[in-house]
Amino acid sequence: LRLLDKIDPYLGRIGLGVDVGESIHDRINIECFIRNGSVSDEKALWNNIFSVLCSLNILSERKKNMLLNWIGGQKISDGQSTLCFLRTINEIKFIFDKSGKIEAKVYLMAHKV
């Protein structure tokens, strides 16, 4: 769990997920949420986490940049009304299996403001 040690300074909380169907699978899910802060803090925290993932070959630099560019605001207008959204990253989930393979999933969000 070297990965979790490396990203721990940027996390606010984590959750643990296990499959509870007919059988128990040989993998574990860890959901990671960053510390609360401003949008600029959020981008810096995710950048640090994604840099760790890139160094471990879990994430490509291209995808890192795409994810970081998601964070921010956006206005959509049809000429009569305007909607404003704040785009954030909700969490990242790591799936660890007994072979040592690590998968990662990032969950994006948009809040209407």
Protein backbone atom coordinates (compact mmCIF):
# COMPACT_ATOMS: atom_id res chain seq x y z
CA LEU A 1 0.00 0.00 0.00
CA ARG A 2 2.90 2.27 -0.81
CA LEU A 3 0.51 4.26 -3.00
CA LEU A 4 -1.70 5.24 -0.07
CA ASP A 5 1.32 6.29 1.98
CA LYS A 6 2.38 8.63 -0.82
CA ILE A 7 -1.00 10.34 -1.26
CA ASP A 8 -2.04 10.38 2.42
CA PRO A 9 -0.91 14.02 3.02
CA TYR A 10 -3.49 15.24 0.47
CA LEU A 11 -6.47 13.24 1.69
CA GLY A 12 -9.29 14.32 3.97
CA ARG A 13 -11.00 10.97 4.30
CA ILE A 14 -11.10 7.50 2.78
CA GLY A 15 -13.76 4.84 2.44
CA LEU A 16 -13.47 1.10 2.11
CA GLY A 17 -15.54 -0.93 -0.33
CA VAL A 18 -15.92 -4.69 -0.62
CA ASP A 19 -18.18 -6.83 -2.81
CA VAL A 20 -20.90 -8.46 -0.72
CA GLY A 21 -22.79 -10.52 -3.27
CA GLU A 22 -23.06 -14.31 -3.32
CA SER A 23 -19.32 -14.60 -2.87
CA ILE A 24 -16.64 -12.31 -1.51
CA HIS A 25 -14.17 -11.28 -4.19
CA ASP A 26 -10.42 -11.14 -3.74
CA ARG A 27 -10.14 -7.41 -4.21
CA ILE A 28 -10.65 -4.32 -2.12
CA ASN A 29 -11.74 -0.82 -3.11
CA ILE A 30 -10.44 2.28 -1.39
CA GLU A 31 -12.23 5.54 -2.11
CA CYS A 32 -10.17 8.67 -1.48
CA PHE A 33 -11.45 12.21 -0.98
CA ILE A 34 -9.19 15.25 -0.76
CA ARG A 35 -9.08 17.76 2.09
CA ASN A 36 -11.57 20.64 1.88
CA GLY A 37 -10.30 23.90 0.47
CA SER A 38 -10.66 26.47 -2.28
CA VAL A 39 -10.78 25.59 -5.99
CA SER A 40 -7.09 26.48 -6.36
CA ASP A 41 -6.28 24.28 -3.35
CA GLU A 42 -8.31 21.48 -4.91
CA LYS A 43 -6.42 21.69 -8.17
CA ALA A 44 -3.07 21.63 -6.35
CA LEU A 45 -4.08 18.64 -4.21
CA TRP A 46 -5.30 16.65 -7.23
CA ASN A 47 -2.14 17.60 -9.14
CA ASN A 48 -0.04 16.14 -6.32
CA ILE A 49 -2.09 12.93 -6.23
CA PHE A 50 -2.04 12.56 -10.02
CA SER A 51 1.73 13.14 -10.09
CA VAL A 52 2.15 10.19 -7.72
CA LEU A 53 -0.06 8.07 -9.99
CA CYS A 54 2.01 9.08 -13.02
CA SER A 55 5.25 8.16 -11.23
CA LEU A 56 3.78 4.69 -10.54
CA ASN A 57 2.56 4.30 -14.16
CA ILE A 58 -1.08 4.18 -13.06
CA LEU A 59 -1.98 7.40 -14.92
CA SER A 60 -0.60 9.00 -18.07
CA GLU A 61 0.48 12.65 -18.15
CA ARG A 62 -2.11 13.27 -20.89
CA LYS A 63 -4.96 12.01 -18.73
CA LYS A 64 -3.58 13.89 -15.73
CA ASN A 65 -3.76 17.15 -17.68
CA MET A 66 -7.26 16.38 -18.95
CA LEU A 67 -8.49 15.70 -15.40
CA LEU A 68 -6.90 18.86 -14.01
CA ASN A 69 -8.46 20.92 -16.81
CA TRP A 70 -11.88 19.64 -15.74
CA ILE A 71 -11.60 21.58 -12.47
CA GLY A 72 -13.05 25.10 -12.71
CA GLY A 73 -16.16 27.00 -13.68
CA GLN A 74 -18.29 27.09 -16.79
CA LYS A 75 -21.16 29.24 -18.04
CA ILE A 76 -23.67 27.96 -20.57
CA SER A 77 -26.03 30.45 -22.18
CA ASP A 78 -28.77 30.14 -24.77
CA GLY A 79 -29.07 33.91 -25.16
CA GLN A 80 -32.00 34.18 -22.77
CA SER A 81 -30.71 32.50 -19.64
CA THR A 82 -27.37 31.45 -18.28
CA LEU A 83 -26.42 28.42 -16.20
CA CYS A 84 -23.22 28.39 -14.16
CA PHE A 85 -21.46 25.20 -13.10
CA LEU A 86 -18.53 24.48 -10.85
CA ARG A 87 -16.66 21.42 -12.12
CA THR A 88 -14.83 19.37 -9.50
CA ILE A 89 -13.41 15.93 -8.90
CA ASN A 90 -15.46 14.09 -6.31
CA GLU A 91 -13.13 11.21 -5.53
CA ILE A 92 -10.67 8.67 -6.78
CA LYS A 93 -11.19 4.97 -6.23
CA PHE A 94 -8.39 2.42 -6.19
CA ILE A 95 -9.08 -1.26 -6.76
CA PHE A 96 -6.43 -3.57 -5.33
CA ASP A 97 -6.44 -7.28 -6.15
CA LYS A 98 -4.42 -10.07 -4.60
CA SER A 99 -2.03 -10.19 -7.57
CA GLY A 100 -0.86 -6.65 -6.74
CA LYS A 101 -2.60 -5.02 -9.71
CA ILE A 102 -3.95 -1.52 -9.02
CA GLU A 103 -6.75 0.08 -11.00
CA ALA A 104 -7.88 3.66 -10.53
CA LYS A 105 -11.17 5.39 -11.32
CA VAL A 106 -11.79 9.13 -11.03
CA TYR A 107 -15.30 10.45 -10.44
CA LEU A 108 -16.06 13.91 -11.87
CA MET A 109 -18.85 16.22 -10.71
CA ALA A 110 -20.51 19.44 -11.82
CA HIS A 111 -22.41 21.58 -9.30
CA LYS A 112 -24.97 24.09 -10.52
CA VAL A 113 -24.34 27.46 -8.86
